[in-house]
C-alpha atoms as a PDB file:
ATOM      1  CA  MET A   1      83.201  95.379 101.617  1.00  0.00           C
ATOM      2  CA  SER A   2      84.630  91.824 100.753  1.00  0.00           C
ATOM      3  CA  PRO A   3      87.798  91.529  98.872  1.00  0.00           C
ATOM      4  CA  ALA A   4      85.985  89.764  95.972  1.00  0.00           C
ATOM      5  CA  LEU A   5      83.554  92.595  95.591  1.00  0.00           C
ATOM      6  CA  MET A   6      86.381  95.075  95.896  1.00  0.00           C
ATOM      7  CA  ARG A   7      88.343  93.269  93.076  1.00  0.00           C
ATOM      8  CA  HIS A   8      85.374  93.335  90.837  1.00  0.00           C
ATOM      9  CA  LEU A   9      84.729  97.036  91.413  1.00  0.00           C
ATOM     10  CA  MET A  10      88.384  98.029  90.951  1.00  0.00           C
ATOM     11  CA  ASN A  11      88.256  96.214  87.601  1.00  0.00           C
ATOM     12  CA  LEU A  12      85.267  98.405  86.680  1.00  0.00           C
ATOM     13  CA  TRP A  13      86.863 101.603  87.961  1.00  0.00           C
ATOM     14  CA  PRO A  14      87.447 103.817  84.918  1.00  0.00           C
ATOM     15  CA  PRO A  15      91.104 104.688  85.622  1.00  0.00           C
ATOM     16  CA  PHE A  16      91.931 100.833  85.577  1.00  0.00           C
ATOM     17  CA  LEU A  17      89.309  99.701  83.019  1.00  0.00           C
ATOM     18  CA  PHE A  18      90.284 102.195  80.405  1.00  0.00           C
ATOM     19  CA  THR A  19      94.018 101.675  80.683  1.00  0.00           C
ATOM     20  CA  GLY A  20      93.870  97.840  80.712  1.00  0.00           C
ATOM     21  CA  ILE A  21      94.819  97.407  84.388  1.00  0.00           C
ATOM     22  CA  HIS A  22      93.320  94.290  85.797  1.00  0.00           C
ATOM     23  CA  VAL A  23      93.061  93.197  89.438  1.00  0.00           C
ATOM     24  CA  ALA A  24      93.748  89.490  89.010  1.00  0.00           C
ATOM     25  CA  ALA A  25      93.528  88.449  92.673  1.00  0.00           C
ATOM     26  CA  LEU A  26      92.777  90.112  96.184  1.00  0.00           C
ATOM     27  CA  SER A  27      93.173  87.573  98.982  1.00  0.00           C
ATOM     28  CA  PRO A  28      90.382  87.026 101.423  1.00  0.00           C
ATOM     29  CA  ASP A  29      92.418  88.311 104.226  1.00  0.00           C
ATOM     30  CA  TRP A  30      93.605  91.506 102.394  1.00  0.00           C
ATOM     31  CA  ARG A  31      97.280  90.370 102.676  1.00  0.00           C
ATOM     32  CA  GLN A  32      97.981  89.986  99.028  1.00  0.00           C
ATOM     33  CA  ALA A  33      97.072  91.472  95.604  1.00  0.00           C
ATOM     34  CA  ARG A  34      98.193  90.717  92.202  1.00  0.00           C
ATOM     35  CA  VAL A  35      97.755  93.161  89.388  1.00  0.00           C
ATOM     36  CA  GLU A  36      98.378  92.915  85.655  1.00  0.00           C
ATOM     37  CA  LEU A  37      98.565  95.096  82.700  1.00  0.00           C
ATOM     38  CA  ARG A  38      98.273  93.834  79.024  1.00  0.00           C
ATOM     39  CA  LEU A  39      99.977  95.926  76.406  1.00  0.00           C
ATOM     40  CA  ARG A  40      97.225  97.386  74.110  1.00  0.00           C
ATOM     41  CA  PRO A  41      97.130 100.142  71.523  1.00  0.00           C
ATOM     42  CA  TRP A  42      95.787 102.646  73.920  1.00  0.00           C
ATOM     43  CA  ASN A  43      98.385 102.046  76.674  1.00  0.00           C
ATOM     44  CA  ARG A  44     101.573 102.086  74.460  1.00  0.00           C
ATOM     45  CA  ASN A  45     103.947 104.916  74.300  1.00  0.00           C
ATOM     46  CA  TYR A  46     105.438 106.559  71.213  1.00  0.00           C
ATOM     47  CA  VAL A  47     108.006 103.604  70.769  1.00  0.00           C
ATOM     48  CA  GLY A  48     105.539 100.843  71.309  1.00  0.00           C
ATOM     49  CA  THR A  49     106.240  99.828  74.916  1.00  0.00           C
ATOM     50  CA  HIS A  50     104.132 100.278  78.032  1.00  0.00           C
ATOM     51  CA  PHE A  51     103.296 103.778  78.902  1.00  0.00           C
ATOM     52  CA  GLY A  52     105.055 104.600  82.174  1.00  0.00           C
ATOM     53  CA  GLY A  53     102.000 106.385  83.645  1.00  0.00           C
ATOM     54  CA  SER A  54     100.110 103.062  83.327  1.00  0.00           C
ATOM     55  CA  LEU A  55     102.906 101.099  84.997  1.00  0.00           C
ATOM     56  CA  PHE A  56     102.888 103.502  87.976  1.00  0.00           C
ATOM     57  CA  ALA A  57      99.005 103.562  88.060  1.00  0.00           C
ATOM     58  CA  MET A  58      98.848  99.720  88.333  1.00  0.00           C
ATOM     59  CA  THR A  59     100.686 100.029  91.620  1.00  0.00           C
ATOM     60  CA  ASP A  60      99.200 103.193  93.019  1.00  0.00           C
ATOM     61  CA  PRO A  61      96.433 102.316  95.435  1.00  0.00           C
ATOM     62  CA  PHE A  62      97.407  98.812  96.707  1.00  0.00           C
ATOM     63  CA  TRP A  63      99.734  99.319  99.634  1.00  0.00           C
ATOM     64  CA  MET A  64      97.326 101.783 101.180  1.00  0.00           C
ATOM     65  CA  LEU A  65      94.249  99.696 100.509  1.00  0.00           C
ATOM     66  CA  LEU A  66      95.868  96.455 101.928  1.00  0.00           C
ATOM     67  CA  LEU A  67      97.147  98.179 105.005  1.00  0.00           C
ATOM     68  CA  MET A  68      93.826  99.994 105.645  1.00  0.00           C
ATOM     69  CA  HIS A  69      92.115  96.638 105.784  1.00  0.00           C
ATOM     70  CA  CYS A  70      94.807  94.750 107.739  1.00  0.00           C
ATOM     71  CA  LEU A  71      95.164  97.443 110.462  1.00  0.00           C
ATOM     72  CA  GLY A  72      91.441  98.243 110.706  1.00  0.00           C
ATOM     73  CA  ARG A  73      89.600 101.486 111.659  1.00  0.00           C
ATOM     74  CA  ASP A  74      91.851 102.500 114.379  1.00  0.00           C
ATOM     75  CA  TYR A  75      94.517 103.826 111.924  1.00  0.00           C
ATOM     76  CA  TRP A  76      94.809 106.521 109.304  1.00  0.00           C
ATOM     77  CA  VAL A  77      96.535 105.271 106.337  1.00  0.00           C
ATOM     78  CA  TRP A  78      97.483 107.544 103.311  1.00  0.00           C
ATOM     79  CA  ASP A  79      99.949 107.315 100.328  1.00  0.00           C
ATOM     80  CA  ARG A  80     102.506 109.927 100.969  1.00  0.00           C
ATOM     81  CA  GLU A  81     105.075 109.518  98.191  1.00  0.00           C
ATOM     82  CA  GLY A  82     105.993 107.436  95.284  1.00  0.00           C
ATOM     83  CA  ARG A  83     108.527 106.964  92.602  1.00  0.00           C
ATOM     84  CA  ILE A  84     109.299 104.551  89.774  1.00  0.00           C
ATOM     85  CA  GLU A  85     112.376 103.353  88.139  1.00  0.00           C
ATOM     86  CA  PHE A  86     112.135 102.143  84.540  1.00  0.00           C
ATOM     87  CA  LEU A  87     114.624  99.391  84.119  1.00  0.00           C
ATOM     88  CA  ARG A  88     113.750  97.886  80.656  1.00  0.00           C
ATOM     89  CA  PRO A  89     111.084  98.253  78.009  1.00  0.00           C
ATOM     90  CA  GLY A  90     107.839  96.438  78.715  1.00  0.00           C
ATOM     91  CA  ARG A  91     106.607  94.776  75.568  1.00  0.00           C
ATOM     92  CA  THR A  92     104.369  91.985  76.993  1.00  0.00           C
ATOM     93  CA  ARG A  93     101.911  91.564  79.718  1.00  0.00           C
ATOM     94  CA  VAL A  94     103.327  92.869  82.965  1.00  0.00           C
ATOM     95  CA  SER A  95     102.367  92.086  86.504  1.00  0.00           C
ATOM     96  CA  THR A  96     103.223  92.869  90.151  1.00  0.00           C
ATOM     97  CA  THR A  97     102.234  91.437  93.452  1.00  0.00           C
ATOM     98  CA  PHE A  98     101.812  93.012  96.918  1.00  0.00           C
ATOM     99  CA  ARG A  99     102.268  91.098 100.087  1.00  0.00           C
ATOM    100  CA  VAL A 100     101.772  92.341 103.570  1.00  0.00           C
ATOM    101  CA  ASP A 101     103.440  90.058 106.143  1.00  0.00           C
ATOM    102  CA  ASP A 102     103.158  89.769 109.968  1.00  0.00           C
ATOM    103  CA  ALA A 103     106.554  91.322 110.533  1.00  0.00           C
ATOM    104  CA  VAL A 104     105.552  94.612 108.689  1.00  0.00           C
ATOM    105  CA  LEU A 105     102.229  94.789 110.526  1.00  0.00           C
ATOM    106  CA  GLU A 106     103.940  94.341 113.827  1.00  0.00           C
ATOM    107  CA  GLN A 107     106.533  96.907 113.036  1.00  0.00           C
ATOM    108  CA  ILE A 108     103.753  99.501 112.191  1.00  0.00           C
ATOM    109  CA  ARG A 109     101.764  98.692 115.312  1.00  0.00           C
ATOM    110  CA  GLN A 110     104.881  99.120 117.512  1.00  0.00           C
ATOM    111  CA  ALA A 111     105.838 102.439 115.687  1.00  0.00           C
ATOM    112  CA  THR A 112     102.346 103.947 116.086  1.00  0.00           C
ATOM    113  CA  ALA A 113     101.389 102.606 119.539  1.00  0.00           C
ATOM    114  CA  GLY A 114     102.020 105.991 121.228  1.00  0.00           C
ATOM    115  CA  GLY A 115     100.030 107.936 118.535  1.00  0.00           C
ATOM    116  CA  ASP A 116     103.075 109.010 116.491  1.00  0.00           C
ATOM    117  CA  LYS A 117     103.042 108.967 112.726  1.00  0.00           C
ATOM    118  CA  TYR A 118     104.971 106.372 110.985  1.00  0.00           C
ATOM    119  CA  LEU A 119     106.300 106.506 107.432  1.00  0.00           C
ATOM    120  CA  HIS A 120     106.942 103.058 105.842  1.00  0.00           C
ATOM    121  CA  TRP A 121     108.592 102.442 102.414  1.00  0.00           C
ATOM    122  CA  PHE A 122     107.379  99.620 100.267  1.00  0.00           C
ATOM    123  CA  GLU A 123     108.896  98.318  97.155  1.00  0.00           C
ATOM    124  CA  ASN A 124     107.785  96.063  94.393  1.00  0.00           C
ATOM    125  CA  ASP A 125     108.863  94.959  90.975  1.00  0.00           C
ATOM    126  CA  VAL A 126     106.744  95.084  87.895  1.00  0.00           C
ATOM    127  CA  VAL A 127     107.730  92.083  85.805  1.00  0.00           C
ATOM    128  CA  ASP A 128     107.084  90.996  82.280  1.00  0.00           C
ATOM    129  CA  ALA A 129     105.826  87.612  80.970  1.00  0.00           C
ATOM    130  CA  ASN A 130     109.262  86.229  81.029  1.00  0.00           C
ATOM    131  CA  GLY A 131     109.934  87.304  84.659  1.00  0.00           C
ATOM    132  CA  GLU A 132     112.155  90.237  83.739  1.00  0.00           C
ATOM    133  CA  VAL A 133     111.892  93.341  85.954  1.00  0.00           C
ATOM    134  CA  VAL A 134     110.521  96.212  83.831  1.00  0.00           C
ATOM    135  CA  ALA A 135     110.061  98.827  86.560  1.00  0.00           C
ATOM    136  CA  ARG A 136     110.648  98.953  90.373  1.00  0.00           C
ATOM    137  CA  VAL A 137     108.142 101.077  92.231  1.00  0.00           C
ATOM    138  CA  HIS A 138     108.699 102.643  95.689  1.00  0.00           C
ATOM    139  CA  LYS A 139     105.773 103.808  97.746  1.00  0.00           C
ATOM    140  CA  GLN A 140     105.829 105.560 101.054  1.00  0.00           C
ATOM    141  CA  VAL A 141     102.765 105.138 103.250  1.00  0.00           C
ATOM    142  CA  TYR A 142     101.715 107.457 106.247  1.00  0.00           C
ATOM    143  CA  ILE A 143     100.315 105.561 109.090  1.00  0.00           C
ATOM    144  CA  ARG A 144      99.084 106.911 112.426  1.00  0.00           C
ATOM    145  CA  ARG A 145      97.036 105.295 115.097  1.00  0.00           C
ATOM    146  CA  LYS A 146      93.779 107.423 115.683  1.00  0.00           C
ATOM    147  CA  PRO A 147      93.495 109.071 119.049  1.00  0.00           C
ATOM    148  CA  ASP A 148      91.224 107.190 121.685  1.00  0.00           C
ATOM    149  CA  ARG A 149      87.869 108.665 121.190  1.00  0.00           C
ATOM    150  CA  ARG A 150      86.491 107.470 124.603  1.00  0.00           C
ATOM    151  CA  PRO A 151      86.106 110.196 127.299  1.00  0.00           C
ATOM    152  CA  ALA A 152      89.061 110.436 129.686  1.00  0.00           C
ATOM    153  CA  GLN A 153      88.434 108.562 132.938  1.00  0.00           C
ATOM    154  CA  ASP A 154      89.208 110.122 136.276  1.00  0.00           C
ATOM    155  CA  ALA A 155      91.969 108.352 138.124  1.00  0.00           C
END
């Protein structure tokens, strides 16, 4: 599936569509995604700021999704753990950007070359329209190279 089609489908996915989460960009090489959340009456909390569940949901699938496509079918990639720190009230449109760089991919490939699992922590900030950090999200992703499916060769 192309990144453009994936972006379109994610924007129609009910958990995103009905909370106001919008995938603004998904790069052609699957290395970067930008996600936004506009403040609407249906995603405000009791005091009129962004509902924390929506802030976390806007970050939930992206590290796993980007890594799955960057690493390819030779790897299992799963979300393992996540947490969020609420740093200030979000009263405007908020956004966050995910970037997978070569160094992280190389680190993952080296750590999983022998078939071992690897747990990697990612962090990204959710910022408001003024660039102020509203929340900091920490996600741990499980990565393991799939065992070789070819029959063993006699030596």
